[in-house]
Amino acid sequence: MEITPKHIERIEKMTFASVYPHYVTKVEKKGRTKEELHQVIDWLTGYDDKKIQELIDENATFGIFFEKAKLNPNANLIKGLICGYRIEEIEHPLTKQVRYLDKLVDELAKGKTLDKILRK
């Protein structure tokens, strides 16, 4: 994945609040719940329901969202393709972290069990 300065700026300025409703819609369309989505976000970032809502209310950018996160030590086990890119080949840290979250949401929507999604 070619990371340009423009791409980095776009990712850093994108807000979690603008993407979160799409995550909810995606998983609920496939019969999963908002609570399961929050479990996935909590596993990756350490954010509980209250903190997720605070970040939404603050309109936190993904830059801030992941800067404040305590990334799960097993996050590096998240591999595969997302949006046409192989996660393990992404070098830019923030882009990789955003794609980790995208991949977990995708796996949830595709019906994977939480044990598998959470790399237990």
N, C-alpha and C. Protein backbone atom coordinates (compact mmCIF):
# COMPACT_ATOMS: atom_id res chain seq x y z
N MET A 1 0.85 -1.18 0.00
CA MET A 1 0.00 0.00 0.00
C MET A 1 0.89 1.24 0.00
N GLU A 2 0.72 2.06 -0.99
CA GLU A 2 1.50 3.29 -1.07
C GLU A 2 0.87 4.34 -0.16
N ILE A 3 1.66 4.81 0.79
CA ILE A 3 1.17 5.81 1.74
C ILE A 3 1.72 7.16 1.33
N THR A 4 0.85 8.04 0.90
CA THR A 4 1.26 9.38 0.51
C THR A 4 0.98 10.34 1.67
N PRO A 5 1.63 11.48 1.69
CA PRO A 5 1.33 12.47 2.74
C PRO A 5 -0.15 12.85 2.77
N LYS A 6 -0.77 12.91 1.58
CA LYS A 6 -2.20 13.24 1.51
C LYS A 6 -3.04 12.15 2.18
N HIS A 7 -2.67 10.88 1.95
CA HIS A 7 -3.37 9.76 2.57
C HIS A 7 -3.24 9.83 4.09
N ILE A 8 -2.04 10.07 4.58
CA ILE A 8 -1.79 10.16 6.02
C ILE A 8 -2.63 11.27 6.63
N GLU A 9 -2.64 12.42 5.99
CA GLU A 9 -3.42 13.56 6.49
C GLU A 9 -4.92 13.21 6.54
N ARG A 10 -5.40 12.54 5.50
CA ARG A 10 -6.82 12.17 5.43
C ARG A 10 -7.18 11.21 6.57
N ILE A 11 -6.34 10.21 6.79
CA ILE A 11 -6.59 9.24 7.86
C ILE A 11 -6.54 9.92 9.23
N GLU A 12 -5.55 10.78 9.43
CA GLU A 12 -5.38 11.46 10.72
C GLU A 12 -6.56 12.38 11.04
N LYS A 13 -7.16 12.97 10.01
CA LYS A 13 -8.25 13.93 10.23
C LYS A 13 -9.64 13.28 10.23
N MET A 14 -9.74 12.07 9.72
CA MET A 14 -11.04 11.39 9.70
C MET A 14 -11.48 11.14 11.14
N THR A 15 -12.74 11.40 11.42
CA THR A 15 -13.21 11.23 12.79
C THR A 15 -13.83 9.84 13.00
N PHE A 16 -13.61 9.34 14.20
CA PHE A 16 -14.20 8.07 14.59
C PHE A 16 -15.72 8.18 14.53
N ALA A 17 -16.25 9.33 14.97
CA ALA A 17 -17.70 9.55 14.98
C ALA A 17 -18.32 9.45 13.60
N SER A 18 -17.57 9.81 12.56
CA SER A 18 -18.11 9.76 11.21
C SER A 18 -18.17 8.33 10.66
N VAL A 19 -17.32 7.46 11.18
CA VAL A 19 -17.24 6.08 10.70
C VAL A 19 -18.05 5.12 11.58
N TYR A 20 -18.14 5.43 12.86
CA TYR A 20 -18.81 4.55 13.82
C TYR A 20 -20.22 4.13 13.39
N PRO A 21 -21.09 5.06 12.94
CA PRO A 21 -22.44 4.63 12.51
C PRO A 21 -22.40 3.60 11.38
N HIS A 22 -21.40 3.69 10.52
CA HIS A 22 -21.27 2.72 9.43
C HIS A 22 -20.89 1.34 9.98
N TYR A 23 -20.04 1.33 11.01
CA TYR A 23 -19.70 0.07 11.66
C TYR A 23 -20.96 -0.58 12.25
N VAL A 24 -21.74 0.24 12.96
CA VAL A 24 -22.97 -0.27 13.60
C VAL A 24 -23.92 -0.82 12.54
N THR A 25 -24.15 -0.07 11.49
CA THR A 25 -25.04 -0.50 10.41
C THR A 25 -24.55 -1.80 9.79
N LYS A 26 -23.26 -1.87 9.52
CA LYS A 26 -22.69 -3.05 8.87
C LYS A 26 -22.91 -4.31 9.70
N VAL A 27 -22.64 -4.23 11.01
CA VAL A 27 -22.78 -5.44 11.83
C VAL A 27 -24.24 -5.78 12.09
N GLU A 28 -25.07 -4.76 12.29
CA GLU A 28 -26.49 -5.03 12.57
C GLU A 28 -27.20 -5.60 11.35
N LYS A 29 -26.81 -5.17 10.16
CA LYS A 29 -27.39 -5.73 8.92
C LYS A 29 -27.15 -7.23 8.83
N LYS A 30 -26.06 -7.68 9.41
CA LYS A 30 -25.69 -9.09 9.35
C LYS A 30 -26.09 -9.85 10.61
N GLY A 31 -26.95 -9.24 11.43
CA GLY A 31 -27.48 -9.94 12.60
C GLY A 31 -26.61 -9.88 13.84
N ARG A 32 -25.58 -9.07 13.83
CA ARG A 32 -24.74 -8.91 15.01
C ARG A 32 -25.22 -7.68 15.78
N THR A 33 -24.68 -7.46 16.97
CA THR A 33 -25.19 -6.38 17.82
C THR A 33 -24.14 -5.29 18.06
N LYS A 34 -24.65 -4.15 18.48
CA LYS A 34 -23.79 -3.03 18.85
C LYS A 34 -22.91 -3.44 20.04
N GLU A 35 -23.46 -4.25 20.93
CA GLU A 35 -22.70 -4.72 22.09
C GLU A 35 -21.50 -5.57 21.64
N GLU A 36 -21.70 -6.41 20.63
CA GLU A 36 -20.59 -7.20 20.09
C GLU A 36 -19.55 -6.30 19.43
N LEU A 37 -20.02 -5.28 18.73
CA LEU A 37 -19.11 -4.31 18.12
C LEU A 37 -18.26 -3.66 19.21
N HIS A 38 -18.91 -3.28 20.31
CA HIS A 38 -18.18 -2.64 21.41
C HIS A 38 -17.17 -3.60 22.04
N GLN A 39 -17.49 -4.88 22.10
CA GLN A 39 -16.53 -5.87 22.61
C GLN A 39 -15.28 -5.89 21.73
N VAL A 40 -15.49 -5.85 20.44
CA VAL A 40 -14.39 -5.87 19.47
C VAL A 40 -13.54 -4.60 19.63
N ILE A 41 -14.19 -3.45 19.73
CA ILE A 41 -13.46 -2.18 19.90
C ILE A 41 -12.70 -2.19 21.22
N ASP A 42 -13.34 -2.68 22.28
CA ASP A 42 -12.70 -2.77 23.59
C ASP A 42 -11.47 -3.66 23.54
N TRP A 43 -11.59 -4.81 22.88
CA TRP A 43 -10.46 -5.74 22.78
C TRP A 43 -9.27 -5.06 22.09
N LEU A 44 -9.53 -4.35 21.00
CA LEU A 44 -8.45 -3.73 20.24
C LEU A 44 -7.85 -2.53 20.96
N THR A 45 -8.70 -1.70 21.57
CA THR A 45 -8.25 -0.39 22.07
C THR A 45 -8.23 -0.24 23.59
N GLY A 46 -8.99 -1.10 24.28
CA GLY A 46 -9.12 -0.93 25.73
C GLY A 46 -10.25 0.03 26.11
N TYR A 47 -11.02 0.50 25.13
CA TYR A 47 -12.10 1.46 25.39
C TYR A 47 -13.38 0.75 25.78
N ASP A 48 -13.96 1.15 26.92
CA ASP A 48 -15.26 0.62 27.32
C ASP A 48 -16.35 1.47 26.66
N ASP A 49 -17.61 1.11 26.91
CA ASP A 49 -18.75 1.80 26.29
C ASP A 49 -18.71 3.31 26.55
N LYS A 50 -18.40 3.67 27.80
CA LYS A 50 -18.38 5.08 28.18
C LYS A 50 -17.31 5.84 27.39
N LYS A 51 -16.12 5.27 27.27
CA LYS A 51 -15.02 5.93 26.56
C LYS A 51 -15.32 6.03 25.06
N ILE A 52 -15.93 4.99 24.51
CA ILE A 52 -16.32 5.03 23.09
C ILE A 52 -17.26 6.21 22.86
N GLN A 53 -18.26 6.36 23.74
CA GLN A 53 -19.21 7.46 23.59
C GLN A 53 -18.53 8.81 23.77
N GLU A 54 -17.59 8.92 24.71
CA GLU A 54 -16.85 10.17 24.90
C GLU A 54 -16.10 10.56 23.62
N LEU A 55 -15.44 9.58 23.01
CA LEU A 55 -14.67 9.85 21.79
C LEU A 55 -15.60 10.26 20.64
N ILE A 56 -16.79 9.68 20.60
CA ILE A 56 -17.78 10.07 19.59
C ILE A 56 -18.22 11.51 19.87
N ASP A 57 -18.56 11.80 21.13
CA ASP A 57 -19.03 13.14 21.51
C ASP A 57 -17.96 14.21 21.27
N GLU A 58 -16.70 13.84 21.48
CA GLU A 58 -15.58 14.77 21.26
C GLU A 58 -15.25 14.92 19.78
N ASN A 59 -15.85 14.08 18.94
CA ASN A 59 -15.55 14.07 17.51
C ASN A 59 -14.05 13.82 17.29
N ALA A 60 -13.52 12.87 18.05
CA ALA A 60 -12.09 12.55 18.01
C ALA A 60 -11.69 12.03 16.63
N THR A 61 -10.57 12.49 16.16
CA THR A 61 -10.03 11.98 14.91
C THR A 61 -9.46 10.58 15.17
N PHE A 62 -9.22 9.83 14.10
CA PHE A 62 -8.59 8.52 14.29
C PHE A 62 -7.18 8.68 14.86
N GLY A 63 -6.52 9.78 14.54
CA GLY A 63 -5.22 10.05 15.13
C GLY A 63 -5.29 10.09 16.64
N ILE A 64 -6.25 10.83 17.16
CA ILE A 64 -6.45 10.94 18.62
C ILE A 64 -6.98 9.61 19.16
N PHE A 65 -7.92 9.01 18.45
CA PHE A 65 -8.53 7.75 18.88
C PHE A 65 -7.46 6.70 19.17
N PHE A 66 -6.52 6.52 18.25
CA PHE A 66 -5.51 5.50 18.45
C PHE A 66 -4.34 5.97 19.31
N GLU A 67 -4.12 7.28 19.37
CA GLU A 67 -3.07 7.82 20.25
C GLU A 67 -3.42 7.53 21.71
N LYS A 68 -4.70 7.64 22.05
CA LYS A 68 -5.16 7.42 23.43
C LYS A 68 -5.39 5.93 23.74
N ALA A 69 -5.45 5.11 22.73
CA ALA A 69 -5.77 3.68 22.91
C ALA A 69 -4.60 2.92 23.53
N LYS A 70 -4.96 1.86 24.23
CA LYS A 70 -3.96 0.90 24.69
C LYS A 70 -4.15 -0.33 23.80
N LEU A 71 -3.42 -0.33 22.68
CA LEU A 71 -3.60 -1.37 21.67
C LEU A 71 -3.32 -2.75 22.25
N ASN A 72 -4.21 -3.68 21.96
CA ASN A 72 -4.06 -5.05 22.45
C ASN A 72 -2.74 -5.63 21.93
N PRO A 73 -1.97 -6.30 22.82
CA PRO A 73 -0.70 -6.87 22.39
C PRO A 73 -0.85 -7.93 21.29
N ASN A 74 -2.04 -8.50 21.15
CA ASN A 74 -2.28 -9.50 20.11
C ASN A 74 -2.80 -8.90 18.81
N ALA A 75 -2.85 -7.58 18.73
CA ALA A 75 -3.35 -6.92 17.52
C ALA A 75 -2.54 -7.33 16.29
N ASN A 76 -1.26 -7.62 16.50
CA ASN A 76 -0.42 -8.02 15.37
C ASN A 76 -0.83 -9.36 14.77
N LEU A 77 -1.72 -10.08 15.45
CA LEU A 77 -2.23 -11.34 14.91
C LEU A 77 -3.34 -11.13 13.88
N ILE A 78 -3.79 -9.87 13.75
CA ILE A 78 -4.82 -9.54 12.76
C ILE A 78 -4.13 -9.46 11.41
N LYS A 79 -4.51 -10.38 10.54
CA LYS A 79 -3.87 -10.46 9.23
C LYS A 79 -4.94 -10.62 8.15
N GLY A 80 -4.50 -10.50 6.92
CA GLY A 80 -5.41 -10.72 5.81
C GLY A 80 -5.65 -9.46 5.01
N LEU A 81 -6.61 -9.57 4.11
CA LEU A 81 -6.92 -8.46 3.22
C LEU A 81 -8.08 -7.64 3.75
N ILE A 82 -7.94 -6.32 3.62
CA ILE A 82 -9.03 -5.42 3.91
C ILE A 82 -8.92 -4.25 2.93
N CYS A 83 -9.99 -3.96 2.27
CA CYS A 83 -10.01 -2.89 1.25
C CYS A 83 -8.93 -3.11 0.19
N GLY A 84 -8.65 -4.36 -0.10
CA GLY A 84 -7.69 -4.68 -1.14
C GLY A 84 -6.22 -4.65 -0.72
N TYR A 85 -5.97 -4.39 0.55
CA TYR A 85 -4.60 -4.32 1.04
C TYR A 85 -4.35 -5.37 2.10
N ARG A 86 -3.17 -5.95 2.09
CA ARG A 86 -2.78 -6.94 3.08
C ARG A 86 -2.31 -6.19 4.32
N ILE A 87 -3.01 -6.39 5.43
CA ILE A 87 -2.75 -5.65 6.66
C ILE A 87 -1.29 -5.76 7.11
N GLU A 88 -0.75 -6.96 7.06
CA GLU A 88 0.60 -7.16 7.58
C GLU A 88 1.67 -6.45 6.74
N GLU A 89 1.31 -5.95 5.58
CA GLU A 89 2.26 -5.23 4.73
C GLU A 89 2.15 -3.71 4.87
N ILE A 90 1.18 -3.23 5.62
CA ILE A 90 1.01 -1.79 5.81
C ILE A 90 2.05 -1.31 6.81
N GLU A 91 2.83 -0.32 6.40
CA GLU A 91 3.91 0.17 7.25
C GLU A 91 3.53 1.36 8.12
N HIS A 92 2.64 2.21 7.64
CA HIS A 92 2.26 3.41 8.42
C HIS A 92 1.43 2.98 9.62
N PRO A 93 1.88 3.27 10.85
CA PRO A 93 1.22 2.77 12.06
C PRO A 93 -0.27 3.11 12.17
N LEU A 94 -0.64 4.37 11.94
CA LEU A 94 -2.05 4.75 12.08
C LEU A 94 -2.91 4.06 11.03
N THR A 95 -2.44 4.00 9.81
CA THR A 95 -3.20 3.31 8.76
C THR A 95 -3.38 1.85 9.14
N LYS A 96 -2.35 1.22 9.66
CA LYS A 96 -2.43 -0.18 10.06
C LYS A 96 -3.46 -0.34 11.19
N GLN A 97 -3.46 0.56 12.15
CA GLN A 97 -4.40 0.47 13.27
C GLN A 97 -5.85 0.65 12.81
N VAL A 98 -6.07 1.59 11.92
CA VAL A 98 -7.43 1.78 11.38
C VAL A 98 -7.86 0.53 10.62
N ARG A 99 -6.97 -0.06 9.86
CA ARG A 99 -7.29 -1.28 9.11
C ARG A 99 -7.49 -2.47 10.04
N TYR A 100 -6.79 -2.50 11.18
CA TYR A 100 -7.08 -3.53 12.19
C TYR A 100 -8.55 -3.46 12.59
N LEU A 101 -8.99 -2.24 12.92
CA LEU A 101 -10.38 -2.06 13.35
C LEU A 101 -11.34 -2.43 12.22
N ASP A 102 -11.04 -1.99 11.01
CA ASP A 102 -11.89 -2.34 9.86
C ASP A 102 -11.99 -3.86 9.69
N LYS A 103 -10.87 -4.54 9.84
CA LYS A 103 -10.84 -6.00 9.66
C LYS A 103 -11.68 -6.69 10.74
N LEU A 104 -11.56 -6.23 11.98
CA LEU A 104 -12.34 -6.84 13.07
C LEU A 104 -13.84 -6.64 12.84
N VAL A 105 -14.22 -5.45 12.43
CA VAL A 105 -15.64 -5.16 12.14
C VAL A 105 -16.11 -6.04 10.98
N ASP A 106 -15.28 -6.19 9.97
CA ASP A 106 -15.60 -7.04 8.83
C ASP A 106 -15.80 -8.49 9.27
N GLU A 107 -14.91 -9.00 10.10
CA GLU A 107 -15.03 -10.37 10.58
C GLU A 107 -16.30 -10.56 11.40
N LEU A 108 -16.64 -9.57 12.22
CA LEU A 108 -17.87 -9.63 13.01
C LEU A 108 -19.08 -9.70 12.09
N ALA A 109 -19.09 -8.85 11.07
CA ALA A 109 -20.21 -8.82 10.13
C ALA A 109 -20.30 -10.11 9.31
N LYS A 110 -19.18 -10.77 9.10
CA LYS A 110 -19.18 -12.01 8.31
C LYS A 110 -19.55 -13.24 9.15
N GLY A 111 -19.81 -13.02 10.44
CA GLY A 111 -20.30 -14.12 11.27
C GLY A 111 -19.26 -14.91 12.04
N LYS A 112 -18.01 -14.45 12.04
CA LYS A 112 -16.99 -15.16 12.83
C LYS A 112 -17.36 -15.09 14.31
N THR A 113 -16.96 -16.10 15.06
CA THR A 113 -17.23 -16.09 16.50
C THR A 113 -16.32 -15.07 17.18
N LEU A 114 -16.78 -14.56 18.30
CA LEU A 114 -15.99 -13.57 19.03
C LEU A 114 -14.65 -14.15 19.48
N ASP A 115 -14.62 -15.43 19.85
CA ASP A 115 -13.35 -16.03 20.25
C ASP A 115 -12.31 -15.96 19.13
N LYS A 116 -12.75 -16.18 17.90
CA LYS A 116 -11.82 -16.11 16.77
C LYS A 116 -11.44 -14.66 16.46
N ILE A 117 -12.44 -13.77 16.50
CA ILE A 117 -12.17 -12.36 16.20
C ILE A 117 -11.19 -11.79 17.21
N LEU A 118 -11.37 -12.14 18.47
CA LEU A 118 -10.55 -11.58 19.54
C LEU A 118 -9.24 -12.33 19.74
N ARG A 119 -8.92 -13.20 18.80
CA ARG A 119 -7.65 -13.92 18.78
C ARG A 119 -7.34 -14.56 20.13
N LYS A 120 -8.32 -15.29 20.65
CA LYS A 120 -8.15 -15.98 21.94
C LYS A 120 -7.56 -17.35 21.76
